[in-house]
Amino acid sequence: MKKAIIDLGTNTFQLLVVAQQGADFSILHEDSYAAKIGKGGISQGIITAEGIQRAVTGLLYFNEILAKEGVPLSAVSAFATSAVRNAANAQAFCEHIKTHTGIEIQVISGDAEASLIYEGVKLGTNIGQTPSMIIDIGGGSVEFIICDQQKIYWKQSFEIGGQRLMDQFMHSDPIQPRSVGQLREYLEQQLLPLTNAVHQYAPTCLIGSAGSFETLADMYWHETQGSFPPRNQVTFELPLPFFQQAFLQLVSQDRKQRLAIPGMIELRVDMIVVGVCLIDFILKKYQINQIKVSTYALKEGVLANMLKESR
């Protein structure tokens, strides 16, 4: 049976089309669209008219793919996250989308989002028996999950995503060192619940899901292999010295220079600056020395739950 899952992220809409046979699946199509629904309005708690129009355009593009793949709209599960759940016009946004695209959107809480990200990462990565920290840096929120392969010890969604951090701290390009310092002070305050959880569970590995982490993996692969990684590879090791070098490079360069980095894509060229500032803060603050990257995240978590229901 063919099914589709859409993740309506704050920055990127992502589509996953699968054929499911009981508890087995095969991926038929993956795509993304830079809808940027948080741009211009997220810090004011609204989705702008331009953001709504970009959302419609992106979903109509997905509808063309669904038609080609033979997936009816009744077999589409669409989930909206931070930008929509915090928008004053969330209901109007969802109604507009339904009217113009036929796609019904389910707005999920940050807690539900964190749970789905865990299930998605676990579907493609052996987390192991000792505590790890999963981080998913979205445009609107960042989810932190302290877990092992068997269970979640602690999870929380923080409204400190890339678009919000850019609006607040990235007033120049390259970002000013003073702004990086202010961003670190802000994270120190915002992430106090995470600091308490880290003291309790002591995770030793950071697992970054999708987004900025995927771009870092692409950069590392280009540096070491001269190409993008294989599309079917889901988990990557990211050496700490490489990350430290990439962090210094990304915070010191302007947009044009960053775009010229092998492995960089235009979709991530702006947000990755605050993204690596956040990652660097986490690694140093909690003295974590191992980084893994998972290309599986929320939409694969939805798929994992679908597979469980079929067992």
C-alpha atoms as a PDB file:
ATOM      1  CA  MET A   1       0.000   0.000   0.000  1.00  0.00           C
ATOM      2  CA  LYS A   2       1.339   3.432  -0.943  1.00  0.00           C
ATOM      3  CA  LYS A   3       1.420   6.152   1.695  1.00  0.00           C
ATOM      4  CA  ALA A   4       2.881   9.633   1.945  1.00  0.00           C
ATOM      5  CA  ILE A   5       4.111  11.618   4.930  1.00  0.00           C
ATOM      6  CA  ILE A   6       4.631  15.391   4.827  1.00  0.00           C
ATOM      7  CA  ASP A   7       6.601  17.304   7.456  1.00  0.00           C
ATOM      8  CA  LEU A   8       5.630  20.989   7.253  1.00  0.00           C
ATOM      9  CA  GLY A   9       8.716  22.395   8.908  1.00  0.00           C
ATOM     10  CA  THR A  10       9.292  26.077   9.639  1.00  0.00           C
ATOM     11  CA  ASN A  11      11.979  26.318   6.968  1.00  0.00           C
ATOM     12  CA  THR A  12      11.522  23.218   4.807  1.00  0.00           C
ATOM     13  CA  PHE A  13       8.586  21.059   3.768  1.00  0.00           C
ATOM     14  CA  GLN A  14       9.603  17.410   3.307  1.00  0.00           C
ATOM     15  CA  LEU A  15       7.794  14.631   1.486  1.00  0.00           C
ATOM     16  CA  LEU A  16       8.288  10.887   1.939  1.00  0.00           C
ATOM     17  CA  VAL A  17       6.405   8.412  -0.276  1.00  0.00           C
ATOM     18  CA  VAL A  18       6.593   4.755   0.744  1.00  0.00           C
ATOM     19  CA  ALA A  19       5.156   1.397  -0.222  1.00  0.00           C
ATOM     20  CA  GLN A  20       4.213  -0.455   2.956  1.00  0.00           C
ATOM     21  CA  GLN A  21       3.740  -4.197   3.186  1.00  0.00           C
ATOM     22  CA  GLY A  22       2.921  -5.079   6.774  1.00  0.00           C
ATOM     23  CA  ALA A  23       5.943  -4.166   8.905  1.00  0.00           C
ATOM     24  CA  ASP A  24       8.198  -3.726   5.835  1.00  0.00           C
ATOM     25  CA  PHE A  25       8.575  -0.641   3.667  1.00  0.00           C
ATOM     26  CA  SER A  26      10.400   0.663   0.618  1.00  0.00           C
ATOM     27  CA  ILE A  27      10.991   4.332  -0.121  1.00  0.00           C
ATOM     28  CA  LEU A  28       9.535   5.331  -3.503  1.00  0.00           C
ATOM     29  CA  HIS A  29      10.206   9.056  -3.493  1.00  0.00           C
ATOM     30  CA  GLU A  30      11.694  11.765  -1.280  1.00  0.00           C
ATOM     31  CA  ASP A  31      11.525  15.485  -1.912  1.00  0.00           C
ATOM     32  CA  SER A  32      11.757  18.826  -0.157  1.00  0.00           C
ATOM     33  CA  TYR A  33      10.592  22.382  -0.751  1.00  0.00           C
ATOM     34  CA  ALA A  34      11.948  25.571   0.846  1.00  0.00           C
ATOM     35  CA  ALA A  35       8.581  26.981   1.950  1.00  0.00           C
ATOM     36  CA  LYS A  36      10.175  29.141   4.693  1.00  0.00           C
ATOM     37  CA  ILE A  37       6.832  29.713   6.398  1.00  0.00           C
ATOM     38  CA  GLY A  38       8.591  31.193   9.435  1.00  0.00           C
ATOM     39  CA  LYS A  39      10.281  33.947   7.436  1.00  0.00           C
ATOM     40  CA  GLY A  40       9.117  37.435   8.322  1.00  0.00           C
ATOM     41  CA  GLY A  41       6.513  36.378  10.892  1.00  0.00           C
ATOM     42  CA  ILE A  42       7.771  33.738  13.316  1.00  0.00           C
ATOM     43  CA  SER A  43       9.109  36.248  15.840  1.00  0.00           C
ATOM     44  CA  GLN A  44       5.702  38.008  15.788  1.00  0.00           C
ATOM     45  CA  GLY A  45       3.780  34.752  16.190  1.00  0.00           C
ATOM     46  CA  ILE A  46       2.123  34.750  12.768  1.00  0.00           C
ATOM     47  CA  ILE A  47       2.535  33.169   9.352  1.00  0.00           C
ATOM     48  CA  THR A  48       2.642  35.973   6.812  1.00  0.00           C
ATOM     49  CA  ALA A  49       0.518  36.073   3.650  1.00  0.00           C
ATOM     50  CA  GLU A  50       3.716  35.405   1.673  1.00  0.00           C
ATOM     51  CA  GLY A  51       4.499  32.424   3.911  1.00  0.00           C
ATOM     52  CA  ILE A  52       1.017  31.011   3.363  1.00  0.00           C
ATOM     53  CA  GLN A  53       1.412  31.394  -0.398  1.00  0.00           C
ATOM     54  CA  ARG A  54       4.809  29.641  -0.327  1.00  0.00           C
ATOM     55  CA  ALA A  55       3.180  26.822   1.657  1.00  0.00           C
ATOM     56  CA  VAL A  56       0.439  26.414  -0.957  1.00  0.00           C
ATOM     57  CA  THR A  57       2.974  26.463  -3.809  1.00  0.00           C
ATOM     58  CA  GLY A  58       5.113  23.815  -2.081  1.00  0.00           C
ATOM     59  CA  LEU A  59       2.182  21.520  -1.343  1.00  0.00           C
ATOM     60  CA  LEU A  60       0.789  21.829  -4.882  1.00  0.00           C
ATOM     61  CA  TYR A  61       4.246  20.753  -6.082  1.00  0.00           C
ATOM     62  CA  PHE A  62       4.015  17.751  -3.718  1.00  0.00           C
ATOM     63  CA  ASN A  63       0.505  17.020  -5.042  1.00  0.00           C
ATOM     64  CA  GLU A  64       1.948  16.602  -8.546  1.00  0.00           C
ATOM     65  CA  ILE A  65       4.389  13.998  -7.199  1.00  0.00           C
ATOM     66  CA  LEU A  66       1.611  12.224  -5.280  1.00  0.00           C
ATOM     67  CA  ALA A  67      -0.487  12.046  -8.460  1.00  0.00           C
ATOM     68  CA  LYS A  68       2.463  10.570 -10.407  1.00  0.00           C
ATOM     69  CA  GLU A  69       3.115   8.012  -7.654  1.00  0.00           C
ATOM     70  CA  GLY A  70      -0.586   7.132  -7.426  1.00  0.00           C
ATOM     71  CA  VAL A  71      -1.020   8.159  -3.792  1.00  0.00           C
ATOM     72  CA  PRO A  72      -4.541   9.428  -2.942  1.00  0.00           C
ATOM     73  CA  LEU A  73      -4.847  12.396  -0.566  1.00  0.00           C
ATOM     74  CA  SER A  74      -6.619  10.050   1.872  1.00  0.00           C
ATOM     75  CA  ALA A  75      -3.278   8.206   2.264  1.00  0.00           C
ATOM     76  CA  VAL A  76      -1.335  11.396   3.096  1.00  0.00           C
ATOM     77  CA  SER A  77      -0.359  12.217   6.694  1.00  0.00           C
ATOM     78  CA  ALA A  78       0.740  15.855   7.059  1.00  0.00           C
ATOM     79  CA  PHE A  79       2.220  17.295  10.259  1.00  0.00           C
ATOM     80  CA  ALA A  80       2.922  20.925  11.142  1.00  0.00           C
ATOM     81  CA  THR A  81       5.349  21.923  13.857  1.00  0.00           C
ATOM     82  CA  SER A  82       6.688  25.043  15.602  1.00  0.00           C
ATOM     83  CA  ALA A  83       5.807  27.868  13.184  1.00  0.00           C
ATOM     84  CA  VAL A  84       2.198  26.730  12.901  1.00  0.00           C
ATOM     85  CA  ARG A  85       1.581  25.608  16.502  1.00  0.00           C
ATOM     86  CA  ASN A  86       2.705  29.029  17.786  1.00  0.00           C
ATOM     87  CA  ALA A  87       0.994  31.156  15.135  1.00  0.00           C
ATOM     88  CA  ALA A  88      -2.046  33.242  16.054  1.00  0.00           C
ATOM     89  CA  ASN A  89      -3.440  32.441  12.586  1.00  0.00           C
ATOM     90  CA  ALA A  90      -2.728  28.682  12.777  1.00  0.00           C
ATOM     91  CA  GLN A  91      -6.347  27.654  12.232  1.00  0.00           C
ATOM     92  CA  ALA A  92      -6.780  30.013   9.274  1.00  0.00           C
ATOM     93  CA  PHE A  93      -3.507  28.669   7.821  1.00  0.00           C
ATOM     94  CA  CYS A  94      -4.670  25.032   8.060  1.00  0.00           C
ATOM     95  CA  GLU A  95      -8.084  25.871   6.566  1.00  0.00           C
ATOM     96  CA  HIS A  96      -6.462  27.780   3.689  1.00  0.00           C
ATOM     97  CA  ILE A  97      -4.154  24.831   2.968  1.00  0.00           C
ATOM     98  CA  LYS A  98      -7.069  22.363   3.008  1.00  0.00           C
ATOM     99  CA  THR A  99      -9.110  24.555   0.645  1.00  0.00           C
ATOM    100  CA  HIS A 100      -6.298  25.154  -1.850  1.00  0.00           C
ATOM    101  CA  THR A 101      -4.446  21.816  -1.784  1.00  0.00           C
ATOM    102  CA  GLY A 102      -6.853  19.246  -0.301  1.00  0.00           C
ATOM    103  CA  ILE A 103      -4.254  18.334   2.330  1.00  0.00           C
ATOM    104  CA  GLU A 104      -5.429  18.082   5.928  1.00  0.00           C
ATOM    105  CA  ILE A 105      -2.825  19.177   8.443  1.00  0.00           C
ATOM    106  CA  GLN A 106      -2.322  17.846  11.943  1.00  0.00           C
ATOM    107  CA  VAL A 107      -0.594  20.381  14.213  1.00  0.00           C
ATOM    108  CA  ILE A 108       1.535  18.543  16.780  1.00  0.00           C
ATOM    109  CA  SER A 109       2.953  19.620  20.142  1.00  0.00           C
ATOM    110  CA  GLY A 110       6.668  19.963  20.784  1.00  0.00           C
ATOM    111  CA  ASP A 111       6.490  16.903  23.035  1.00  0.00           C
ATOM    112  CA  ALA A 112       4.890  14.799  20.274  1.00  0.00           C
ATOM    113  CA  GLU A 113       7.462  16.129  17.810  1.00  0.00           C
ATOM    114  CA  ALA A 114      10.328  15.002  20.075  1.00  0.00           C
ATOM    115  CA  SER A 115       8.789  11.517  20.400  1.00  0.00           C
ATOM    116  CA  LEU A 116       8.458  11.167  16.617  1.00  0.00           C
ATOM    117  CA  ILE A 117      12.059  12.316  16.070  1.00  0.00           C
ATOM    118  CA  TYR A 118      13.248   9.621  18.506  1.00  0.00           C
ATOM    119  CA  GLU A 119      11.262   6.939  16.663  1.00  0.00           C
ATOM    120  CA  GLY A 120      12.646   8.177  13.333  1.00  0.00           C
ATOM    121  CA  VAL A 121      16.274   8.167  14.452  1.00  0.00           C
ATOM    122  CA  LYS A 122      15.828   4.724  16.054  1.00  0.00           C
ATOM    123  CA  LEU A 123      14.424   3.338  12.787  1.00  0.00           C
ATOM    124  CA  GLY A 124      17.712   3.998  10.978  1.00  0.00           C
ATOM    125  CA  THR A 125      20.388   4.178  13.694  1.00  0.00           C
ATOM    126  CA  ASN A 126      21.485   1.871  16.496  1.00  0.00           C
ATOM    127  CA  ILE A 127      21.497   4.373  19.355  1.00  0.00           C
ATOM    128  CA  GLY A 128      23.186   1.860  21.658  1.00  0.00           C
ATOM    129  CA  GLN A 129      22.807   0.921  25.319  1.00  0.00           C
ATOM    130  CA  THR A 130      24.311   4.040  26.898  1.00  0.00           C
ATOM    131  CA  PRO A 131      22.568   7.446  26.974  1.00  0.00           C
ATOM    132  CA  SER A 132      22.859   9.622  23.867  1.00  0.00           C
ATOM    133  CA  MET A 133      21.454  13.067  23.146  1.00  0.00           C
ATOM    134  CA  ILE A 134      19.427  13.464  19.950  1.00  0.00           C
ATOM    135  CA  ILE A 135      19.172  17.040  18.673  1.00  0.00           C
ATOM    136  CA  ASP A 136      16.872  18.152  15.882  1.00  0.00           C
ATOM    137  CA  ILE A 137      17.441  21.794  14.897  1.00  0.00           C
ATOM    138  CA  GLY A 138      14.392  23.082  13.082  1.00  0.00           C
ATOM    139  CA  GLY A 139      13.597  26.565  11.886  1.00  0.00           C
ATOM    140  CA  GLY A 140      11.183  27.187  14.758  1.00  0.00           C
ATOM    141  CA  SER A 141      12.072  24.762  17.535  1.00  0.00           C
ATOM    142  CA  VAL A 142      14.892  22.502  18.671  1.00  0.00           C
ATOM    143  CA  GLU A 143      14.114  19.091  20.150  1.00  0.00           C
ATOM    144  CA  PHE A 144      16.444  17.442  22.650  1.00  0.00           C
ATOM    145  CA  ILE A 145      15.951  13.772  23.519  1.00  0.00           C
ATOM    146  CA  ILE A 146      18.178  11.913  25.992  1.00  0.00           C
ATOM    147  CA  CYS A 147      17.710   8.235  25.263  1.00  0.00           C
ATOM    148  CA  ASP A 148      19.134   4.848  24.403  1.00  0.00           C
ATOM    149  CA  GLN A 149      17.911   2.220  21.921  1.00  0.00           C
ATOM    150  CA  GLN A 150      15.246   1.013  24.374  1.00  0.00           C
ATOM    151  CA  LYS A 151      13.744   4.152  25.836  1.00  0.00           C
ATOM    152  CA  ILE A 152      13.579   7.910  26.247  1.00  0.00           C
ATOM    153  CA  TYR A 153      14.922   9.184  29.582  1.00  0.00           C
ATOM    154  CA  TRP A 154      14.044  12.839  29.021  1.00  0.00           C
ATOM    155  CA  LYS A 155      12.807  15.014  26.160  1.00  0.00           C
ATOM    156  CA  GLN A 156      11.883  18.643  25.588  1.00  0.00           C
ATOM    157  CA  SER A 157      11.160  20.970  22.696  1.00  0.00           C
ATOM    158  CA  PHE A 158      12.529  24.520  22.964  1.00  0.00           C
ATOM    159  CA  GLU A 159      11.338  27.402  20.779  1.00  0.00           C
ATOM    160  CA  ILE A 160      14.896  28.371  19.810  1.00  0.00           C
ATOM    161  CA  GLY A 161      14.986  27.196  16.183  1.00  0.00           C
ATOM    162  CA  GLY A 162      17.207  28.549  13.432  1.00  0.00           C
ATOM    163  CA  GLN A 163      14.834  31.213  12.077  1.00  0.00           C
ATOM    164  CA  ARG A 164      14.201  32.556  15.585  1.00  0.00           C
ATOM    165  CA  LEU A 165      17.947  32.657  16.382  1.00  0.00           C
ATOM    166  CA  MET A 166      18.695  34.367  13.062  1.00  0.00           C
ATOM    167  CA  ASP A 167      16.045  37.025  13.721  1.00  0.00           C
ATOM    168  CA  GLN A 168      17.478  37.648  17.170  1.00  0.00           C
ATOM    169  CA  PHE A 169      21.240  37.396  16.669  1.00  0.00           C
ATOM    170  CA  MET A 170      22.294  37.408  13.019  1.00  0.00           C
ATOM    171  CA  HIS A 171      22.224  41.113  12.215  1.00  0.00           C
ATOM    172  CA  SER A 172      25.234  41.002   9.895  1.00  0.00           C
ATOM    173  CA  ASP A 173      26.840  38.572   7.501  1.00  0.00           C
ATOM    174  CA  PRO A 174      29.289  37.199   8.583  1.00  0.00           C
ATOM    175  CA  ILE A 175      27.795  37.061  12.080  1.00  0.00           C
ATOM    176  CA  GLN A 176      29.619  39.324  14.560  1.00  0.00           C
ATOM    177  CA  PRO A 177      31.718  37.616  17.276  1.00  0.00           C
ATOM    178  CA  ARG A 178      29.780  39.718  19.819  1.00  0.00           C
ATOM    179  CA  SER A 179      26.518  38.254  18.510  1.00  0.00           C
ATOM    180  CA  VAL A 180      27.918  34.714  18.867  1.00  0.00           C
ATOM    181  CA  GLY A 181      28.737  35.544  22.507  1.00  0.00           C
ATOM    182  CA  GLN A 182      25.212  36.916  23.093  1.00  0.00           C
ATOM    183  CA  LEU A 183      23.747  33.797  21.478  1.00  0.00           C
ATOM    184  CA  ARG A 184      25.747  31.570  23.832  1.00  0.00           C
ATOM    185  CA  GLU A 185      24.525  33.558  26.877  1.00  0.00           C
ATOM    186  CA  TYR A 186      20.941  33.211  25.616  1.00  0.00           C
ATOM    187  CA  LEU A 187      21.330  29.428  25.182  1.00  0.00           C
ATOM    188  CA  GLU A 188      22.838  29.173  28.673  1.00  0.00           C
ATOM    189  CA  GLN A 189      19.605  30.624  30.099  1.00  0.00           C
ATOM    190  CA  GLN A 190      17.114  28.920  27.774  1.00  0.00           C
ATOM    191  CA  LEU A 191      18.576  25.442  28.137  1.00  0.00           C
ATOM    192  CA  LEU A 192      18.664  25.195  31.948  1.00  0.00           C
ATOM    193  CA  PRO A 193      16.223  22.230  31.905  1.00  0.00           C
ATOM    194  CA  LEU A 194      18.570  20.448  29.471  1.00  0.00           C
ATOM    195  CA  THR A 195      21.574  21.182  31.728  1.00  0.00           C
ATOM    196  CA  ASN A 196      19.760  19.541  34.657  1.00  0.00           C
ATOM    197  CA  ALA A 197      18.865  16.506  32.521  1.00  0.00           C
ATOM    198  CA  VAL A 198      22.457  16.142  31.276  1.00  0.00           C
ATOM    199  CA  HIS A 199      23.722  16.154  34.868  1.00  0.00           C
ATOM    200  CA  GLN A 200      21.243  13.381  35.663  1.00  0.00           C
ATOM    201  CA  TYR A 201      21.733  11.117  32.606  1.00  0.00           C
ATOM    202  CA  ALA A 202      25.237  12.033  31.325  1.00  0.00           C
ATOM    203  CA  PRO A 203      24.879  11.393  27.569  1.00  0.00           C
ATOM    204  CA  THR A 204      28.215  10.680  25.854  1.00  0.00           C
ATOM    205  CA  CYS A 205      27.178  10.887  22.189  1.00  0.00           C
ATOM    206  CA  LEU A 206      25.346  13.607  20.275  1.00  0.00           C
ATOM    207  CA  ILE A 207      23.103  12.367  17.438  1.00  0.00           C
ATOM    208  CA  GLY A 208      22.025  15.173  15.139  1.00  0.00           C
ATOM    209  CA  SER A 209      18.975  14.516  12.990  1.00  0.00           C
ATOM    210  CA  ALA A 210      18.604  16.018   9.507  1.00  0.00           C
ATOM    211  CA  GLY A 211      18.859  19.790   8.856  1.00  0.00           C
ATOM    212  CA  SER A 212      22.201  21.448   9.623  1.00  0.00           C
ATOM    213  CA  PHE A 213      23.697  18.105  10.673  1.00  0.00           C
ATOM    214  CA  GLU A 214      22.984  16.584   7.267  1.00  0.00           C
ATOM    215  CA  THR A 215      24.744  19.506   5.580  1.00  0.00           C
ATOM    216  CA  LEU A 216      27.751  19.062   7.882  1.00  0.00           C
ATOM    217  CA  ALA A 217      27.862  15.374   6.886  1.00  0.00           C
ATOM    218  CA  ASP A 218      27.708  16.393   3.212  1.00  0.00           C
ATOM    219  CA  MET A 219      30.593  18.845   3.759  1.00  0.00           C
ATOM    220  CA  TYR A 220      32.650  16.152   5.507  1.00  0.00           C
ATOM    221  CA  TRP A 221      31.930  13.646   2.748  1.00  0.00           C
ATOM    222  CA  HIS A 222      33.012  16.151   0.080  1.00  0.00           C
ATOM    223  CA  GLU A 223      36.206  16.893   1.990  1.00  0.00           C
ATOM    224  CA  THR A 224      37.129  13.219   2.423  1.00  0.00           C
ATOM    225  CA  GLN A 225      35.486  11.510  -0.595  1.00  0.00           C
ATOM    226  CA  GLY A 226      34.954  14.354  -3.092  1.00  0.00           C
ATOM    227  CA  SER A 227      31.225  13.699  -3.489  1.00  0.00           C
ATOM    228  CA  PHE A 228      27.848  13.656  -1.759  1.00  0.00           C
ATOM    229  CA  PRO A 229      27.319  10.545   0.413  1.00  0.00           C
ATOM    230  CA  PRO A 230      25.311   7.573  -0.903  1.00  0.00           C
ATOM    231  CA  ARG A 231      21.584   8.324  -0.758  1.00  0.00           C
ATOM    232  CA  ASN A 232      20.829   5.058   1.005  1.00  0.00           C
ATOM    233  CA  GLN A 233      23.236   5.734   3.901  1.00  0.00           C
ATOM    234  CA  VAL A 234      21.246   6.819   6.948  1.00  0.00           C
ATOM    235  CA  THR A 235      23.883   7.192   9.706  1.00  0.00           C
ATOM    236  CA  PHE A 236      27.226   9.003   9.655  1.00  0.00           C
ATOM    237  CA  GLU A 237      30.062   9.582  12.092  1.00  0.00           C
ATOM    238  CA  LEU A 238      31.208  13.219  12.161  1.00  0.00           C
ATOM    239  CA  PRO A 239      34.708  13.580  13.645  1.00  0.00           C
ATOM    240  CA  LEU A 240      34.930  16.279  16.313  1.00  0.00           C
ATOM    241  CA  PRO A 241      38.025  17.977  14.755  1.00  0.00           C
ATOM    242  CA  PHE A 242      36.115  18.311  11.466  1.00  0.00           C
ATOM    243  CA  PHE A 243      33.161  19.940  13.222  1.00  0.00           C
ATOM    244  CA  GLN A 244      35.431  22.392  15.058  1.00  0.00           C
ATOM    245  CA  GLN A 245      37.059  23.381  11.767  1.00  0.00           C
ATOM    246  CA  ALA A 246      33.653  23.729  10.030  1.00  0.00           C
ATOM    247  CA  PHE A 247      32.297  25.840  12.902  1.00  0.00           C
ATOM    248  CA  LEU A 248      35.170  28.346  12.645  1.00  0.00           C
ATOM    249  CA  GLN A 249      34.798  28.463   8.863  1.00  0.00           C
ATOM    250  CA  LEU A 250      31.025  28.979   8.844  1.00  0.00           C
ATOM    251  CA  VAL A 251      30.944  31.755  11.470  1.00  0.00           C
ATOM    252  CA  SER A 252      33.724  33.718   9.761  1.00  0.00           C
ATOM    253  CA  GLN A 253      32.454  33.642   6.167  1.00  0.00           C
ATOM    254  CA  ASP A 254      29.726  35.561   4.360  1.00  0.00           C
ATOM    255  CA  ARG A 255      26.872  33.965   2.422  1.00  0.00           C
ATOM    256  CA  LYS A 256      28.729  33.844  -0.913  1.00  0.00           C
ATOM    257  CA  GLN A 257      31.770  32.164   0.669  1.00  0.00           C
ATOM    258  CA  ARG A 258      29.605  29.649   2.543  1.00  0.00           C
ATOM    259  CA  LEU A 259      27.694  28.794  -0.611  1.00  0.00           C
ATOM    260  CA  ALA A 260      31.005  27.954  -2.323  1.00  0.00           C
ATOM    261  CA  ILE A 261      31.820  25.275   0.293  1.00  0.00           C
ATOM    262  CA  PRO A 262      31.566  21.821  -1.363  1.00  0.00           C
ATOM    263  CA  GLY A 263      28.488  20.067   0.042  1.00  0.00           C
ATOM    264  CA  MET A 264      26.653  23.277   0.986  1.00  0.00           C
ATOM    265  CA  ILE A 265      23.132  23.766  -0.402  1.00  0.00           C
ATOM    266  CA  GLU A 266      21.312  27.101  -0.714  1.00  0.00           C
ATOM    267  CA  LEU A 267      18.457  25.918   1.493  1.00  0.00           C
ATOM    268  CA  ARG A 268      20.791  25.728   4.524  1.00  0.00           C
ATOM    269  CA  VAL A 269      23.392  28.390   3.770  1.00  0.00           C
ATOM    270  CA  ASP A 270      21.903  31.009   6.128  1.00  0.00           C
ATOM    271  CA  MET A 271      20.508  28.983   9.017  1.00  0.00           C
ATOM    272  CA  ILE A 272      23.573  26.772   9.353  1.00  0.00           C
ATOM    273  CA  VAL A 273      25.490  29.661  10.962  1.00  0.00           C
ATOM    274  CA  VAL A 274      23.282  29.778  14.063  1.00  0.00           C
ATOM    275  CA  GLY A 275      22.935  25.994  13.790  1.00  0.00           C
ATOM    276  CA  VAL A 276      26.656  25.381  14.277  1.00  0.00           C
ATOM    277  CA  CYS A 277      26.748  27.975  17.073  1.00  0.00           C
ATOM    278  CA  LEU A 278      24.118  25.903  18.893  1.00  0.00           C
ATOM    279  CA  ILE A 279      25.943  22.610  18.230  1.00  0.00           C
ATOM    280  CA  ASP A 280      29.264  24.097  19.386  1.00  0.00           C
ATOM    281  CA  PHE A 281      27.621  25.355  22.581  1.00  0.00           C
ATOM    282  CA  ILE A 282      26.171  21.895  23.353  1.00  0.00           C
ATOM    283  CA  LEU A 283      29.445  20.049  22.710  1.00  0.00           C
ATOM    284  CA  LYS A 284      31.509  22.399  24.882  1.00  0.00           C
ATOM    285  CA  LYS A 285      28.968  22.956  27.650  1.00  0.00           C
ATOM    286  CA  TYR A 286      28.276  19.243  28.173  1.00  0.00           C
ATOM    287  CA  GLN A 287      31.743  17.952  27.177  1.00  0.00           C
ATOM    288  CA  ILE A 288      30.457  15.598  24.488  1.00  0.00           C
ATOM    289  CA  ASN A 289      33.147  14.237  22.157  1.00  0.00           C
ATOM    290  CA  GLN A 290      31.255  11.986  19.752  1.00  0.00           C
ATOM    291  CA  ILE A 291      28.929  13.185  16.969  1.00  0.00           C
ATOM    292  CA  LYS A 292      26.699  11.037  14.785  1.00  0.00           C
ATOM    293  CA  VAL A 293      24.312  12.219  12.097  1.00  0.00           C
ATOM    294  CA  SER A 294      20.971  10.599  11.246  1.00  0.00           C
ATOM    295  CA  THR A 295      19.199  11.478   8.009  1.00  0.00           C
ATOM    296  CA  TYR A 296      16.016  10.062   9.545  1.00  0.00           C
ATOM    297  CA  ALA A 297      13.880  12.413  11.649  1.00  0.00           C
ATOM    298  CA  LEU A 298      10.197  13.274  12.165  1.00  0.00           C
ATOM    299  CA  LYS A 299       8.679  11.877   8.979  1.00  0.00           C
ATOM    300  CA  GLU A 300      10.487   8.555   9.455  1.00  0.00           C
ATOM    301  CA  GLY A 301       9.169   8.544  13.029  1.00  0.00           C
ATOM    302  CA  VAL A 302       5.628   8.744  11.645  1.00  0.00           C
ATOM    303  CA  LEU A 303       6.550   5.841   9.342  1.00  0.00           C
ATOM    304  CA  ALA A 304       7.981   3.835  12.280  1.00  0.00           C
ATOM    305  CA  ASN A 305       4.674   4.190  14.136  1.00  0.00           C
ATOM    306  CA  MET A 306       2.753   3.105  11.012  1.00  0.00           C
ATOM    307  CA  LEU A 307       4.972  -0.006  10.783  1.00  0.00           C
ATOM    308  CA  LYS A 308       4.375  -0.814  14.473  1.00  0.00           C
ATOM    309  CA  GLU A 309       0.605  -0.618  13.962  1.00  0.00           C
ATOM    310  CA  SER A 310       0.905  -3.204  11.154  1.00  0.00           C
ATOM    311  CA  ARG A 311       2.705  -5.823  13.271  1.00  0.00           C
END
